[in-house]
C-alpha atoms as a PDB file:
ATOM      1  CA  MET A   1      77.027 -16.946   5.899  1.00  0.00           C
ATOM      2  CA  ALA A   2      75.013 -18.284   8.820  1.00  0.00           C
ATOM      3  CA  ASP A   3      74.413 -22.011   9.197  1.00  0.00           C
ATOM      4  CA  THR A   4      70.569 -21.401   9.250  1.00  0.00           C
ATOM      5  CA  THR A   5      68.196 -19.331   7.212  1.00  0.00           C
ATOM      6  CA  ALA A   6      67.038 -15.968   8.575  1.00  0.00           C
ATOM      7  CA  ASN A   7      63.270 -16.477   8.704  1.00  0.00           C
ATOM      8  CA  LEU A   8      62.496 -20.161   9.175  1.00  0.00           C
ATOM      9  CA  ASP A   9      65.839 -21.097  10.846  1.00  0.00           C
ATOM     10  CA  LEU A  10      66.343 -23.957   8.331  1.00  0.00           C
ATOM     11  CA  PRO A  11      69.802 -25.656   8.263  1.00  0.00           C
ATOM     12  CA  ARG A  12      72.005 -24.790   5.297  1.00  0.00           C
ATOM     13  CA  ILE A  13      74.031 -27.377   3.414  1.00  0.00           C
ATOM     14  CA  LEU A  14      77.717 -26.388   3.908  1.00  0.00           C
ATOM     15  CA  PRO A  15      80.148 -26.642   0.990  1.00  0.00           C
ATOM     16  CA  ALA A  16      82.400 -29.266   2.637  1.00  0.00           C
ATOM     17  CA  GLN A  17      79.625 -31.035   4.491  1.00  0.00           C
ATOM     18  CA  ALA A  18      79.396 -34.794   4.313  1.00  0.00           C
ATOM     19  CA  GLN A  19      76.000 -36.533   4.220  1.00  0.00           C
ATOM     20  CA  LYS A  20      74.312 -33.476   2.825  1.00  0.00           C
ATOM     21  CA  HIS A  21      71.073 -35.383   2.515  1.00  0.00           C
ATOM     22  CA  VAL A  22      70.631 -35.383   6.322  1.00  0.00           C
ATOM     23  CA  THR A  23      70.615 -31.576   6.445  1.00  0.00           C
ATOM     24  CA  HIS A  24      68.444 -31.378   3.408  1.00  0.00           C
ATOM     25  CA  ASN A  25      65.858 -33.796   4.875  1.00  0.00           C
ATOM     26  CA  GLU A  26      65.818 -31.928   8.211  1.00  0.00           C
ATOM     27  CA  ALA A  27      65.057 -28.685   6.337  1.00  0.00           C
ATOM     28  CA  LEU A  28      62.282 -30.378   4.439  1.00  0.00           C
ATOM     29  CA  GLN A  29      60.784 -31.665   7.693  1.00  0.00           C
ATOM     30  CA  LEU A  30      60.725 -28.198   9.172  1.00  0.00           C
ATOM     31  CA  LEU A  31      59.242 -26.732   6.023  1.00  0.00           C
ATOM     32  CA  ASP A  32      56.583 -29.389   6.009  1.00  0.00           C
ATOM     33  CA  ALA A  33      55.723 -28.495   9.601  1.00  0.00           C
ATOM     34  CA  VAL A  34      55.686 -24.686   9.576  1.00  0.00           C
ATOM     35  CA  VAL A  35      54.349 -23.844   6.128  1.00  0.00           C
ATOM     36  CA  GLN A  36      50.484 -23.555   6.304  1.00  0.00           C
ATOM     37  CA  LEU A  37      50.992 -24.173  10.018  1.00  0.00           C
ATOM     38  CA  VAL A  38      48.408 -26.341  11.743  1.00  0.00           C
ATOM     39  CA  VAL A  39      48.967 -27.394  15.417  1.00  0.00           C
ATOM     40  CA  GLN A  40      47.209 -30.080  17.359  1.00  0.00           C
ATOM     41  CA  GLY A  41      46.770 -27.635  20.249  1.00  0.00           C
ATOM     42  CA  PHE A  42      48.122 -24.475  21.907  1.00  0.00           C
ATOM     43  CA  ASP A  43      49.861 -24.225  25.289  1.00  0.00           C
ATOM     44  CA  ALA A  44      50.634 -27.940  25.417  1.00  0.00           C
ATOM     45  CA  ASP A  45      52.945 -29.088  28.225  1.00  0.00           C
ATOM     46  CA  THR A  46      52.732 -32.895  28.140  1.00  0.00           C
ATOM     47  CA  PRO A  47      53.763 -34.912  25.104  1.00  0.00           C
ATOM     48  CA  PRO A  48      51.059 -37.175  23.762  1.00  0.00           C
ATOM     49  CA  ALA A  49      51.378 -40.951  24.365  1.00  0.00           C
ATOM     50  CA  THR A  50      51.050 -41.897  20.714  1.00  0.00           C
ATOM     51  CA  PRO A  51      51.870 -38.840  18.515  1.00  0.00           C
ATOM     52  CA  GLY A  52      51.332 -39.071  14.789  1.00  0.00           C
ATOM     53  CA  GLU A  53      54.087 -38.527  12.304  1.00  0.00           C
ATOM     54  CA  GLY A  54      54.325 -34.829  11.393  1.00  0.00           C
ATOM     55  CA  GLU A  55      52.022 -33.604  14.131  1.00  0.00           C
ATOM     56  CA  VAL A  56      52.920 -30.183  15.519  1.00  0.00           C
ATOM     57  CA  TRP A  57      52.239 -28.826  18.980  1.00  0.00           C
ATOM     58  CA  ALA A  58      52.559 -25.267  20.266  1.00  0.00           C
ATOM     59  CA  LEU A  59      54.220 -25.673  23.644  1.00  0.00           C
ATOM     60  CA  GLY A  60      53.229 -23.888  26.814  1.00  0.00           C
ATOM     61  CA  ALA A  61      55.291 -22.308  29.572  1.00  0.00           C
ATOM     62  CA  VAL A  62      56.341 -25.472  31.439  1.00  0.00           C
ATOM     63  CA  PRO A  63      56.609 -28.381  29.065  1.00  0.00           C
ATOM     64  CA  THR A  64      57.661 -31.741  30.523  1.00  0.00           C
ATOM     65  CA  GLY A  65      59.114 -35.067  29.408  1.00  0.00           C
ATOM     66  CA  ALA A  66      60.635 -34.981  25.895  1.00  0.00           C
ATOM     67  CA  TRP A  67      59.538 -31.366  25.608  1.00  0.00           C
ATOM     68  CA  GLU A  68      61.348 -30.115  28.712  1.00  0.00           C
ATOM     69  CA  GLY A  69      63.205 -26.923  28.226  1.00  0.00           C
ATOM     70  CA  GLN A  70      61.419 -26.050  24.964  1.00  0.00           C
ATOM     71  CA  ALA A  71      58.856 -23.575  26.352  1.00  0.00           C
ATOM     72  CA  GLY A  72      57.097 -21.467  23.710  1.00  0.00           C
ATOM     73  CA  ARG A  73      58.517 -23.475  20.734  1.00  0.00           C
ATOM     74  CA  LEU A  74      56.862 -25.673  18.179  1.00  0.00           C
ATOM     75  CA  ALA A  75      57.336 -29.412  18.684  1.00  0.00           C
ATOM     76  CA  VAL A  76      57.280 -31.494  15.457  1.00  0.00           C
ATOM     77  CA  ARG A  77      57.047 -35.255  15.524  1.00  0.00           C
ATOM     78  CA  ALA A  78      59.733 -36.704  13.273  1.00  0.00           C
ATOM     79  CA  GLY A  79      60.173 -40.446  13.232  1.00  0.00           C
ATOM     80  CA  THR A  80      60.647 -41.532  16.818  1.00  0.00           C
ATOM     81  CA  GLY A  81      61.774 -38.164  18.069  1.00  0.00           C
ATOM     82  CA  TRP A  82      60.987 -34.467  18.095  1.00  0.00           C
ATOM     83  CA  LEU A  83      62.163 -31.476  16.162  1.00  0.00           C
ATOM     84  CA  PHE A  84      61.760 -28.030  17.763  1.00  0.00           C
ATOM     85  CA  ALA A  85      61.312 -24.712  15.969  1.00  0.00           C
ATOM     86  CA  ALA A  86      60.953 -21.227  17.464  1.00  0.00           C
ATOM     87  CA  PRO A  87      57.993 -19.272  16.040  1.00  0.00           C
ATOM     88  CA  ARG A  88      58.611 -15.767  14.774  1.00  0.00           C
ATOM     89  CA  PRO A  89      56.312 -12.757  15.458  1.00  0.00           C
ATOM     90  CA  GLY A  90      53.546 -12.701  12.878  1.00  0.00           C
ATOM     91  CA  TRP A  91      53.381 -16.432  12.298  1.00  0.00           C
ATOM     92  CA  ARG A  92      49.822 -17.748  12.054  1.00  0.00           C
ATOM     93  CA  ALA A  93      48.661 -21.181  13.226  1.00  0.00           C
ATOM     94  CA  TRP A  94      45.361 -22.982  13.190  1.00  0.00           C
ATOM     95  CA  GLY A  95      44.622 -24.915  16.347  1.00  0.00           C
ATOM     96  CA  ARG A  96      42.687 -28.101  15.780  1.00  0.00           C
ATOM     97  CA  ALA A  97      41.584 -28.533  19.404  1.00  0.00           C
ATOM     98  CA  GLU A  98      40.612 -24.877  19.769  1.00  0.00           C
ATOM     99  CA  ALA A  99      39.191 -24.420  16.210  1.00  0.00           C
ATOM    100  CA  ASP A 100      40.841 -20.994  16.351  1.00  0.00           C
ATOM    101  CA  LEU A 101      43.326 -19.063  14.171  1.00  0.00           C
ATOM    102  CA  ARG A 102      46.051 -17.474  16.325  1.00  0.00           C
ATOM    103  CA  ILE A 103      49.138 -15.243  15.839  1.00  0.00           C
ATOM    104  CA  TRP A 104      52.444 -15.431  17.612  1.00  0.00           C
ATOM    105  CA  ASP A 105      53.276 -11.971  18.997  1.00  0.00           C
ATOM    106  CA  GLY A 106      56.711 -12.877  20.396  1.00  0.00           C
ATOM    107  CA  ALA A 107      55.363 -13.857  23.805  1.00  0.00           C
ATOM    108  CA  GLY A 108      52.355 -16.067  23.151  1.00  0.00           C
ATOM    109  CA  TRP A 109      49.740 -17.180  20.711  1.00  0.00           C
ATOM    110  CA  GLY A 110      46.891 -14.578  20.585  1.00  0.00           C
ATOM    111  CA  SER A 111      43.591 -14.816  18.771  1.00  0.00           C
ATOM    112  CA  LEU A 112      43.562 -13.288  15.291  1.00  0.00           C
ATOM    113  CA  PHE A 113      40.999 -10.736  16.396  1.00  0.00           C
ATOM    114  CA  ALA A 114      42.340 -10.024  19.869  1.00  0.00           C
ATOM    115  CA  GLY A 115      43.345  -6.379  20.273  1.00  0.00           C
ATOM    116  CA  ARG A 116      41.998  -5.330  16.843  1.00  0.00           C
ATOM    117  CA  ALA A 117      40.740  -1.746  16.695  1.00  0.00           C
ATOM    118  CA  GLY A 118      37.531  -2.924  14.982  1.00  0.00           C
ATOM    119  CA  LEU A 119      35.886  -5.211  12.441  1.00  0.00           C
ATOM    120  CA  GLY A 120      33.916  -4.366   9.391  1.00  0.00           C
ATOM    121  CA  ILE A 121      31.908  -7.027   7.535  1.00  0.00           C
ATOM    122  CA  ASN A 122      31.149  -5.909   3.988  1.00  0.00           C
ATOM    123  CA  THR A 123      31.824  -2.368   5.120  1.00  0.00           C
ATOM    124  CA  GLY A 124      34.324  -0.333   7.039  1.00  0.00           C
ATOM    125  CA  PHE A 125      34.487   0.551  10.730  1.00  0.00           C
ATOM    126  CA  ASP A 126      35.484   3.704  12.663  1.00  0.00           C
ATOM    127  CA  ALA A 127      36.385   4.692  16.160  1.00  0.00           C
ATOM    128  CA  ALA A 128      32.760   4.945  17.246  1.00  0.00           C
ATOM    129  CA  ASN A 129      31.378   1.978  15.282  1.00  0.00           C
ATOM    130  CA  ARG A 130      34.081  -0.577  15.837  1.00  0.00           C
ATOM    131  CA  LEU A 131      31.895  -3.444  14.736  1.00  0.00           C
ATOM    132  CA  SER A 132      30.094  -2.686  11.474  1.00  0.00           C
ATOM    133  CA  VAL A 133      27.973  -4.959   9.315  1.00  0.00           C
ATOM    134  CA  ALA A 134      26.432  -4.186   5.884  1.00  0.00           C
ATOM    135  CA  ALA A 135      23.949  -6.933   5.062  1.00  0.00           C
ATOM    136  CA  PRO A 136      20.261  -7.554   4.438  1.00  0.00           C
ATOM    137  CA  ALA A 137      19.972  -9.146   7.862  1.00  0.00           C
ATOM    138  CA  THR A 138      22.011 -10.060  10.899  1.00  0.00           C
ATOM    139  CA  LEU A 139      21.241 -13.316  12.781  1.00  0.00           C
ATOM    140  CA  LEU A 140      21.907 -14.011  16.439  1.00  0.00           C
ATOM    141  CA  SER A 141      20.723 -17.478  17.284  1.00  0.00           C
ATOM    142  CA  HIS A 142      20.658 -19.927  20.213  1.00  0.00           C
ATOM    143  CA  GLU A 143      23.149 -22.756  20.840  1.00  0.00           C
ATOM    144  CA  GLY A 144      20.656 -25.201  22.165  1.00  0.00           C
ATOM    145  CA  ALA A 145      18.897 -23.034  24.784  1.00  0.00           C
ATOM    146  CA  GLY A 146      18.237 -19.339  25.011  1.00  0.00           C
ATOM    147  CA  HIS A 147      20.134 -16.285  23.720  1.00  0.00           C
ATOM    148  CA  GLN A 148      20.824 -12.839  25.214  1.00  0.00           C
ATOM    149  CA  LEU A 149      22.044  -9.626  23.630  1.00  0.00           C
ATOM    150  CA  LYS A 150      23.746  -7.626  26.378  1.00  0.00           C
ATOM    151  CA  ILE A 151      24.303  -3.890  26.226  1.00  0.00           C
ATOM    152  CA  ASN A 152      26.226  -2.439  29.215  1.00  0.00           C
ATOM    153  CA  LYS A 153      26.901   1.163  30.227  1.00  0.00           C
ATOM    154  CA  ALA A 154      29.495   2.662  32.514  1.00  0.00           C
ATOM    155  CA  GLY A 155      27.127   4.604  34.788  1.00  0.00           C
ATOM    156  CA  ALA A 156      23.545   5.714  35.340  1.00  0.00           C
ATOM    157  CA  ALA A 157      23.954   8.962  33.415  1.00  0.00           C
ATOM    158  CA  GLU A 158      25.214   7.169  30.333  1.00  0.00           C
ATOM    159  CA  THR A 159      23.121   5.560  27.578  1.00  0.00           C
ATOM    160  CA  ALA A 160      22.661   1.864  26.761  1.00  0.00           C
ATOM    161  CA  ALA A 161      20.114   1.662  23.966  1.00  0.00           C
ATOM    162  CA  LEU A 162      19.117   0.498  20.469  1.00  0.00           C
ATOM    163  CA  LEU A 163      18.977   3.439  18.053  1.00  0.00           C
ATOM    164  CA  PHE A 164      16.853   3.218  14.896  1.00  0.00           C
ATOM    165  CA  GLN A 165      17.860   5.544  12.079  1.00  0.00           C
ATOM    166  CA  SER A 166      16.495   6.669   8.738  1.00  0.00           C
ATOM    167  CA  GLY A 167      19.153   8.132   6.376  1.00  0.00           C
ATOM    168  CA  TRP A 168      21.582   8.123   9.338  1.00  0.00           C
ATOM    169  CA  SER A 169      19.212  10.359  11.373  1.00  0.00           C
ATOM    170  CA  GLY A 170      17.766   8.981  14.562  1.00  0.00           C
ATOM    171  CA  ARG A 171      13.995   8.349  14.649  1.00  0.00           C
ATOM    172  CA  ALA A 172      13.497   5.970  17.594  1.00  0.00           C
ATOM    173  CA  GLU A 173      15.528   4.759  20.588  1.00  0.00           C
ATOM    174  CA  MET A 174      14.784   2.265  23.279  1.00  0.00           C
ATOM    175  CA  GLY A 175      16.868   1.371  26.307  1.00  0.00           C
ATOM    176  CA  LEU A 176      18.461   3.095  29.278  1.00  0.00           C
ATOM    177  CA  ALA A 177      18.832   6.644  28.024  1.00  0.00           C
ATOM    178  CA  GLY A 178      20.496   8.985  30.515  1.00  0.00           C
ATOM    179  CA  ASN A 179      19.164   7.109  33.591  1.00  0.00           C
ATOM    180  CA  ASP A 180      18.389   3.573  34.708  1.00  0.00           C
ATOM    181  CA  ASP A 181      14.648   3.642  33.730  1.00  0.00           C
ATOM    182  CA  PHE A 182      13.766   1.899  30.481  1.00  0.00           C
ATOM    183  CA  SER A 183      12.332   4.285  27.897  1.00  0.00           C
ATOM    184  CA  VAL A 184      11.132   4.383  24.276  1.00  0.00           C
ATOM    185  CA  LYS A 185      11.906   7.700  22.578  1.00  0.00           C
ATOM    186  CA  VAL A 186      10.957   9.049  19.175  1.00  0.00           C
ATOM    187  CA  SER A 187      12.207  12.016  17.064  1.00  0.00           C
ATOM    188  CA  ALA A 188      11.010  13.741  13.977  1.00  0.00           C
ATOM    189  CA  ASP A 189      14.404  15.244  13.077  1.00  0.00           C
ATOM    190  CA  GLY A 190      17.054  13.274  15.015  1.00  0.00           C
ATOM    191  CA  SER A 191      17.678  16.225  17.352  1.00  0.00           C
ATOM    192  CA  SER A 192      14.549  16.768  19.462  1.00  0.00           C
ATOM    193  CA  TRP A 193      13.379  13.698  21.236  1.00  0.00           C
ATOM    194  CA  ILE A 194      10.134  12.744  22.998  1.00  0.00           C
ATOM    195  CA  ALA A 195      10.046  10.067  25.696  1.00  0.00           C
ATOM    196  CA  ALA A 196       6.909   8.322  24.516  1.00  0.00           C
ATOM    197  CA  LEU A 197       7.060   5.595  27.164  1.00  0.00           C
ATOM    198  CA  THR A 198       9.071   5.194  30.337  1.00  0.00           C
ATOM    199  CA  LEU A 199       9.116   2.257  32.684  1.00  0.00           C
ATOM    200  CA  ASN A 200       9.998   3.002  36.310  1.00  0.00           C
ATOM    201  CA  ARG A 201      12.752   0.576  37.329  1.00  0.00           C
ATOM    202  CA  THR A 202      11.493   0.549  40.963  1.00  0.00           C
ATOM    203  CA  ASN A 203       7.797  -0.168  40.618  1.00  0.00           C
ATOM    204  CA  GLY A 204       7.391  -1.037  36.943  1.00  0.00           C
ATOM    205  CA  HIS A 205       4.833   1.727  36.330  1.00  0.00           C
ATOM    206  CA  LEU A 206       4.401   3.284  32.927  1.00  0.00           C
ATOM    207  CA  GLY A 207       4.808   6.983  32.094  1.00  0.00           C
ATOM    208  CA  GLY A 208       5.800   9.223  29.199  1.00  0.00           C
ATOM    209  CA  ALA A 209       4.107  11.407  26.565  1.00  0.00           C
ATOM    210  CA  ALA A 210       1.924   8.500  25.430  1.00  0.00           C
ATOM    211  CA  VAL A 211       0.309   8.214  28.876  1.00  0.00           C
ATOM    212  CA  GLN A 212      -2.242  10.491  30.608  1.00  0.00           C
ATOM    213  CA  GLN A 213      -0.464  13.251  32.481  1.00  0.00           C
ATOM    214  CA  SER A 214      -3.293  14.019  34.909  1.00  0.00           C
ATOM    215  CA  ALA A 215      -6.867  12.997  35.758  1.00  0.00           C
ATOM    216  CA  SER A 216      -8.219  15.780  33.537  1.00  0.00           C
ATOM    217  CA  ASP A 217      -5.964  14.907  30.586  1.00  0.00           C
ATOM    218  CA  ILE A 218      -8.118  13.769  27.648  1.00  0.00           C
ATOM    219  CA  THR A 219      -5.522  14.205  24.897  1.00  0.00           C
ATOM    220  CA  ALA A 220      -6.486  12.025  21.960  1.00  0.00           C
ATOM    221  CA  GLY A 221      -4.226   8.955  21.489  1.00  0.00           C
ATOM    222  CA  ARG A 222      -2.870   8.745  24.951  1.00  0.00           C
ATOM    223  CA  LEU A 223      -3.085   5.672  27.109  1.00  0.00           C
ATOM    224  CA  MET A 224      -5.362   5.885  30.149  1.00  0.00           C
ATOM    225  CA  ARG A 225      -3.886   5.380  33.561  1.00  0.00           C
ATOM    226  CA  ALA A 226      -5.747   2.975  35.839  1.00  0.00           C
ATOM    227  CA  ASP A 227      -5.973   5.629  38.595  1.00  0.00           C
ATOM    228  CA  TYR A 228      -7.232   8.254  36.165  1.00  0.00           C
ATOM    229  CA  GLY A 229      -9.782   6.104  34.339  1.00  0.00           C
ATOM    230  CA  PHE A 230     -12.557   3.682  35.338  1.00  0.00           C
ATOM    231  CA  CYS A 231     -12.880  -0.072  34.972  1.00  0.00           C
ATOM    232  CA  ARG A 232     -14.553  -2.956  36.728  1.00  0.00           C
ATOM    233  CA  GLY A 233     -12.145  -2.629  39.668  1.00  0.00           C
ATOM    234  CA  ASN A 234     -12.864   0.977  40.531  1.00  0.00           C
ATOM    235  CA  ILE A 235     -16.401   1.758  39.295  1.00  0.00           C
ATOM    236  CA  LEU A 236     -17.769   1.022  42.740  1.00  0.00           C
ATOM    237  CA  GLY A 237     -16.102   2.463  45.799  1.00  0.00           C
ATOM    238  CA  THR A 238     -15.682   5.772  47.614  1.00  0.00           C
ATOM    239  CA  VAL A 239     -16.241   8.755  45.446  1.00  0.00           C
ATOM    240  CA  GLY A 240     -14.219  11.902  45.791  1.00  0.00           C
ATOM    241  CA  GLN A 241     -13.378  15.108  44.015  1.00  0.00           C
ATOM    242  CA  ALA A 242     -10.851  17.908  43.835  1.00  0.00           C
ATOM    243  CA  ALA A 243     -11.702  21.164  42.101  1.00  0.00           C
ATOM    244  CA  GLY A 244     -14.655  19.430  40.501  1.00  0.00           C
ATOM    245  CA  VAL A 245     -12.584  16.550  39.078  1.00  0.00           C
ATOM    246  CA  PRO A 246     -13.424  13.029  40.357  1.00  0.00           C
ATOM    247  CA  THR A 247     -10.671  11.445  42.419  1.00  0.00           C
ATOM    248  CA  GLY A 248     -12.406   8.218  43.442  1.00  0.00           C
ATOM    249  CA  ALA A 249     -14.891   5.725  42.148  1.00  0.00           C
ATOM    250  CA  VAL A 250     -17.918   6.404  39.881  1.00  0.00           C
ATOM    251  CA  ILE A 251     -20.630   5.154  42.257  1.00  0.00           C
ATOM    252  CA  GLU A 252     -20.603   4.942  46.043  1.00  0.00           C
ATOM    253  CA  ARG A 253     -23.362   3.084  47.900  1.00  0.00           C
ATOM    254  CA  GLY A 254     -23.736   3.025  51.616  1.00  0.00           C
ATOM    255  CA  THR A 255     -26.028   2.073  54.505  1.00  0.00           C
ATOM    256  CA  ASN A 256     -25.998   3.292  58.063  1.00  0.00           C
ATOM    257  CA  ALA A 257     -28.344   3.948  61.006  1.00  0.00           C
ATOM    258  CA  ASN A 258     -29.850   6.898  59.106  1.00  0.00           C
ATOM    259  CA  GLY A 259     -30.762   5.053  55.913  1.00  0.00           C
ATOM    260  CA  ASP A 260     -29.332   4.245  52.495  1.00  0.00           C
ATOM    261  CA  TYR A 261     -27.554   6.572  50.063  1.00  0.00           C
ATOM    262  CA  VAL A 262     -26.002   6.538  46.586  1.00  0.00           C
ATOM    263  CA  ARG A 263     -23.368   9.067  45.525  1.00  0.00           C
ATOM    264  CA  PHE A 264     -22.209   9.540  41.917  1.00  0.00           C
ATOM    265  CA  ALA A 265     -18.874  10.947  40.737  1.00  0.00           C
ATOM    266  CA  ASP A 266     -20.660  13.848  39.011  1.00  0.00           C
ATOM    267  CA  GLY A 267     -21.896  15.130  42.396  1.00  0.00           C
ATOM    268  CA  THR A 268     -25.406  13.617  42.341  1.00  0.00           C
ATOM    269  CA  GLN A 269     -26.634  12.086  45.640  1.00  0.00           C
ATOM    270  CA  ILE A 270     -29.756  10.113  46.522  1.00  0.00           C
ATOM    271  CA  CYS A 271     -30.765   9.431  50.102  1.00  0.00           C
ATOM    272  CA  LEU A 272     -33.476   6.972  51.185  1.00  0.00           C
ATOM    273  CA  ARG A 273     -34.998   6.935  54.650  1.00  0.00           C
ATOM    274  CA  GLU A 274     -37.970   5.486  56.497  1.00  0.00           C
ATOM    275  CA  VAL A 275     -39.426   7.493  59.396  1.00  0.00           C
ATOM    276  CA  SER A 276     -42.441   7.500  61.724  1.00  0.00           C
ATOM    277  CA  THR A 277     -44.033  10.898  62.054  1.00  0.00           C
ATOM    278  CA  LEU A 278     -45.107  12.233  65.452  1.00  0.00           C
ATOM    279  CA  THR A 279     -48.374  13.636  66.705  1.00  0.00           C
ATOM    280  CA  THR A 280     -46.519  16.173  68.895  1.00  0.00           C
ATOM    281  CA  GLY A 281     -44.321  17.807  66.283  1.00  0.00           C
ATOM    282  CA  GLY A 282     -42.044  17.246  63.325  1.00  0.00           C
ATOM    283  CA  ALA A 283     -39.926  14.046  63.257  1.00  0.00           C
ATOM    284  CA  ALA A 284     -36.266  14.880  62.828  1.00  0.00           C
ATOM    285  CA  VAL A 285     -34.686  12.990  59.924  1.00  0.00           C
ATOM    286  CA  THR A 286     -30.869  12.845  59.649  1.00  0.00           C
ATOM    287  CA  PHE A 287     -29.642  12.016  56.225  1.00  0.00           C
ATOM    288  CA  PRO A 288     -27.361   8.917  55.756  1.00  0.00           C
ATOM    289  CA  ALA A 289     -24.987  11.259  53.862  1.00  0.00           C
ATOM    290  CA  SER A 290     -24.812  15.035  53.911  1.00  0.00           C
ATOM    291  CA  PHE A 291     -25.723  17.273  50.975  1.00  0.00           C
ATOM    292  CA  ILE A 292     -23.580  20.254  50.072  1.00  0.00           C
ATOM    293  CA  SER A 293     -26.195  22.797  51.395  1.00  0.00           C
ATOM    294  CA  ALA A 294     -29.803  23.087  52.432  1.00  0.00           C
ATOM    295  CA  GLY A 295     -30.830  24.287  49.026  1.00  0.00           C
ATOM    296  CA  ALA A 296     -28.961  21.575  47.105  1.00  0.00           C
ATOM    297  CA  TYR A 297     -31.619  18.844  47.313  1.00  0.00           C
ATOM    298  CA  ARG A 298     -35.312  18.096  46.825  1.00  0.00           C
ATOM    299  CA  GLY A 299     -37.353  15.350  48.334  1.00  0.00           C
ATOM    300  CA  SER A 300     -40.609  13.436  48.315  1.00  0.00           C
ATOM    301  CA  GLY A 301     -42.464  11.277  50.758  1.00  0.00           C
ATOM    302  CA  MET A 302     -44.876   8.391  50.506  1.00  0.00           C
ATOM    303  CA  ALA A 303     -47.018   7.939  53.668  1.00  0.00           C
ATOM    304  CA  ARG A 304     -48.327   4.478  54.421  1.00  0.00           C
ATOM    305  CA  SER A 305     -51.921   5.206  55.197  1.00  0.00           C
ATOM    306  CA  THR A 306     -55.407   3.935  54.313  1.00  0.00           C
ATOM    307  CA  THR A 307     -56.876   7.441  54.783  1.00  0.00           C
ATOM    308  CA  PRO A 308     -55.835  10.669  53.118  1.00  0.00           C
ATOM    309  CA  VAL A 309     -52.899  12.455  54.811  1.00  0.00           C
ATOM    310  CA  VAL A 310     -50.632  15.370  53.881  1.00  0.00           C
ATOM    311  CA  THR A 311     -46.835  15.093  54.273  1.00  0.00           C
ATOM    312  CA  ALA A 312     -44.815  18.246  54.866  1.00  0.00           C
ATOM    313  CA  VAL A 313     -41.232  19.188  55.833  1.00  0.00           C
ATOM    314  CA  ASP A 314     -39.538  22.052  57.655  1.00  0.00           C
ATOM    315  CA  SER A 315     -36.273  22.979  59.370  1.00  0.00           C
ATOM    316  CA  LYS A 316     -34.301  22.040  56.280  1.00  0.00           C
ATOM    317  CA  THR A 317     -30.461  21.838  56.564  1.00  0.00           C
ATOM    318  CA  ALA A 318     -27.702  20.076  54.669  1.00  0.00           C
ATOM    319  CA  THR A 319     -27.734  17.146  57.136  1.00  0.00           C
ATOM    320  CA  GLN A 320     -31.340  16.768  58.272  1.00  0.00           C
ATOM    321  CA  ILE A 321     -34.988  17.785  57.918  1.00  0.00           C
ATOM    322  CA  ASN A 322     -38.223  17.581  59.926  1.00  0.00           C
ATOM    323  CA  VAL A 323     -41.152  15.572  58.560  1.00  0.00           C
ATOM    324  CA  SER A 324     -44.797  15.785  59.623  1.00  0.00           C
ATOM    325  CA  CYS A 325     -48.133  14.211  58.572  1.00  0.00           C
ATOM    326  CA  TRP A 326     -51.627  15.768  58.940  1.00  0.00           C
ATOM    327  CA  ASP A 327     -55.022  14.333  58.227  1.00  0.00           C
ATOM    328  CA  LEU A 328     -57.621  16.344  56.333  1.00  0.00           C
ATOM    329  CA  SER A 329     -58.925  17.870  59.603  1.00  0.00           C
ATOM    330  CA  GLY A 330     -55.517  19.435  60.136  1.00  0.00           C
ATOM    331  CA  ALA A 331     -54.461  17.205  63.057  1.00  0.00           C
ATOM    332  CA  ARG A 332     -50.996  15.719  63.235  1.00  0.00           C
ATOM    333  CA  VAL A 333     -50.996  11.957  62.781  1.00  0.00           C
ATOM    334  CA  SER A 334     -48.323   9.271  63.122  1.00  0.00           C
ATOM    335  CA  ARG A 335     -47.590   7.407  59.875  1.00  0.00           C
ATOM    336  CA  GLN A 336     -44.698   5.441  58.401  1.00  0.00           C
ATOM    337  CA  VAL A 337     -43.279   7.555  55.629  1.00  0.00           C
ATOM    338  CA  ASP A 338     -40.796   6.450  52.884  1.00  0.00           C
ATOM    339  CA  LEU A 339     -38.614   9.402  52.002  1.00  0.00           C
ATOM    340  CA  MET A 340     -36.287  10.032  48.997  1.00  0.00           C
ATOM    341  CA  PHE A 341     -34.045  13.054  48.659  1.00  0.00           C
ATOM    342  CA  VAL A 342     -32.123  13.871  45.439  1.00  0.00           C
ATOM    343  CA  GLY A 343     -29.465  16.594  45.264  1.00  0.00           C
ATOM    344  CA  ARG A 344     -25.749  17.244  45.200  1.00  0.00           C
ATOM    345  CA  TRP A 345     -22.959  16.297  47.574  1.00  0.00           C
ATOM    346  CA  PHE A 346     -20.552  18.824  45.957  1.00  0.00           C
END
């Protein structure tokens, strides 16, 4: 029979041994130390200056002083000296300093949960869902400042997202799904998905099925894009169109050497001009903005005169017109005439 026990390495009392109480007391001290094992700290290398009776330390790789040569063992304070015990694989110890439960694996003290395949709280876990929780709520809180929940993926083509399910069938997902742009997706059946909103990671612009797809898109329920709709910032400006669809502002107002004009996004144009007629022929009037054609506008003129005159036009084009004034005798006269032309610019 061996002099020590197989599991705890406790000294046996031999049949012919004198002072059996010494061996018995040593065994009790070791039992008191390793049963319900609690250590003051793990990986300790320097003995404390004033150790308490019965305190246990889990020694590190290079212990010094009274612990020299006892690497990896348990040091137990006994009276004025130390007892040493070798931990066995599977022993569990609570570390006071670390507030952590650890297991001896034959080479070191590892955390109880280190290397575990998974953890299920009030439920089981599997290879895909290695952390599973069944509860009315799950709380993640701060520790005096902020708090972040980090979801990382291996590459751009992978997915890092939060998936919301109903009856274990996906209905909504938000995150980085298949690329590095943030998206919010929805599904009616868990198989076919619609990217309702996407946020471009480069410029922060919004896209997706919930946003207008083109300037002519008037699908009910979609969000209007700033460049497809109108607001205070783009009501006034340069108007434009492509295939009859406005591409610029709603109203454009301008002034140049040929007068004033107003253009509207629907194609309406108004030109205002002041001209002095001639006694020798028609006064050429160039419009401040061109109409689409000679037949696309109408005009009127108000002559500034204290006697009756007739105002007439000729040589009409898309860009100009001639204006004349006659008195009642049929003679050309010179008058200031205020002109207004209304038509279409497209």
